Amino acid sequence: MTVAELAHLSGVGIATIKRIEAGSGIPMAHARTLDQITRALMEAGVEFVGNPEDRPGVRLSLPKK
């Protein structure tokens, strides 16, 4: 997914997404912004696993039948 596609799907600006991507660790952003990005990624099939303190990561969900 490109930054432009994520921006379109989430309603978050391209510059904001690039700033978040450039950071390390837990992103410094408004909770609403992170929620919009998270929801867009989840709708695209990304599954978030673990938590920030214990083995955080993502995996692609299997297509729903």
C-alpha atoms as a PDB file:
ATOM      1  CA  MET A   1       0.000   0.000   0.000  1.00  0.00           C
ATOM      2  CA  THR A   2       1.401   3.387  -0.884  1.00  0.00           C
ATOM      3  CA  VAL A   3       1.355   6.411   1.385  1.00  0.00           C
ATOM      4  CA  ALA A   4      -1.137   8.047  -0.972  1.00  0.00           C
ATOM      5  CA  GLU A   5      -3.446   5.002  -0.807  1.00  0.00           C
ATOM      6  CA  LEU A   6      -3.262   4.903   2.992  1.00  0.00           C
ATOM      7  CA  ALA A   7      -3.925   8.636   3.159  1.00  0.00           C
ATOM      8  CA  HIS A   8      -6.992   8.222   0.957  1.00  0.00           C
ATOM      9  CA  LEU A   9      -8.343   5.224   2.877  1.00  0.00           C
ATOM     10  CA  SER A  10      -7.717   6.729   6.317  1.00  0.00           C
ATOM     11  CA  GLY A  11      -8.493  10.380   5.679  1.00  0.00           C
ATOM     12  CA  VAL A  12      -5.105  11.325   7.152  1.00  0.00           C
ATOM     13  CA  GLY A  13      -2.741  13.641   5.271  1.00  0.00           C
ATOM     14  CA  ILE A  14       0.253  12.272   3.384  1.00  0.00           C
ATOM     15  CA  ALA A  15       2.674  14.478   5.343  1.00  0.00           C
ATOM     16  CA  THR A  16       1.290  13.174   8.636  1.00  0.00           C
ATOM     17  CA  ILE A  17       1.664   9.550   7.558  1.00  0.00           C
ATOM     18  CA  LYS A  18       5.236  10.181   6.375  1.00  0.00           C
ATOM     19  CA  ARG A  19       6.087  11.845   9.703  1.00  0.00           C
ATOM     20  CA  ILE A  20       4.693   8.892  11.652  1.00  0.00           C
ATOM     21  CA  GLU A  21       6.564   6.407   9.427  1.00  0.00           C
ATOM     22  CA  ALA A  22       9.847   8.276   9.909  1.00  0.00           C
ATOM     23  CA  GLY A  23       9.664   7.985  13.693  1.00  0.00           C
ATOM     24  CA  SER A  24      10.656   5.048  15.834  1.00  0.00           C
ATOM     25  CA  GLY A  25       8.785   3.407  18.673  1.00  0.00           C
ATOM     26  CA  ILE A  26       5.250   4.390  19.575  1.00  0.00           C
ATOM     27  CA  PRO A  27       4.157   7.181  17.196  1.00  0.00           C
ATOM     28  CA  MET A  28       3.638  10.682  18.522  1.00  0.00           C
ATOM     29  CA  ALA A  29       0.242  11.584  17.069  1.00  0.00           C
ATOM     30  CA  HIS A  30      -3.312  12.285  18.121  1.00  0.00           C
ATOM     31  CA  ALA A  31      -5.235   9.167  19.147  1.00  0.00           C
ATOM     32  CA  ARG A  32      -7.863   9.910  16.487  1.00  0.00           C
ATOM     33  CA  THR A  33      -5.193   9.997  13.761  1.00  0.00           C
ATOM     34  CA  LEU A  34      -3.712   6.672  14.864  1.00  0.00           C
ATOM     35  CA  ASP A  35      -7.195   5.168  15.055  1.00  0.00           C
ATOM     36  CA  GLN A  36      -8.000   6.277  11.495  1.00  0.00           C
ATOM     37  CA  ILE A  37      -4.768   4.733  10.183  1.00  0.00           C
ATOM     38  CA  THR A  38      -5.270   1.548  12.200  1.00  0.00           C
ATOM     39  CA  ARG A  39      -8.822   1.102  10.944  1.00  0.00           C
ATOM     40  CA  ALA A  40      -7.787   1.631   7.317  1.00  0.00           C
ATOM     41  CA  LEU A  41      -5.004  -0.940   7.631  1.00  0.00           C
ATOM     42  CA  MET A  42      -7.302  -3.454   9.326  1.00  0.00           C
ATOM     43  CA  GLU A  43      -9.923  -3.021   6.603  1.00  0.00           C
ATOM     44  CA  ALA A  44      -7.146  -3.732   4.069  1.00  0.00           C
ATOM     45  CA  GLY A  45      -6.368  -7.052   5.795  1.00  0.00           C
ATOM     46  CA  VAL A  46      -3.612  -6.145   8.249  1.00  0.00           C
ATOM     47  CA  GLU A  47      -3.891  -7.835  11.642  1.00  0.00           C
ATOM     48  CA  PHE A  48      -2.029  -6.320  14.591  1.00  0.00           C
ATOM     49  CA  VAL A  49      -0.507  -8.865  16.988  1.00  0.00           C
ATOM     50  CA  GLY A  50       1.261  -8.610  20.331  1.00  0.00           C
ATOM     51  CA  ASN A  51       1.441  -5.271  22.109  1.00  0.00           C
ATOM     52  CA  PRO A  52       3.983  -2.424  22.307  1.00  0.00           C
ATOM     53  CA  GLU A  53       5.786  -4.046  25.242  1.00  0.00           C
ATOM     54  CA  ASP A  54       5.678  -7.699  24.121  1.00  0.00           C
ATOM     55  CA  ARG A  55       6.452  -8.826  20.565  1.00  0.00           C
ATOM     56  CA  PRO A  56       4.540  -6.195  18.570  1.00  0.00           C
ATOM     57  CA  GLY A  57       3.944  -6.931  14.932  1.00  0.00           C
ATOM     58  CA  VAL A  58       1.534  -7.327  12.056  1.00  0.00           C
ATOM     59  CA  ARG A  59       0.439 -10.077   9.729  1.00  0.00           C
ATOM     60  CA  LEU A  60      -1.848 -10.244   6.747  1.00  0.00           C
ATOM     61  CA  SER A  61      -5.247 -11.779   7.359  1.00  0.00           C
ATOM     62  CA  LEU A  62      -6.449 -14.571   5.161  1.00  0.00           C
ATOM     63  CA  PRO A  63      -9.137 -13.537   2.690  1.00  0.00           C
ATOM     64  CA  LYS A  64     -12.622 -14.085   4.082  1.00  0.00           C
ATOM     65  CA  LYS A  65     -14.568 -16.834   2.302  1.00  0.00           C
END
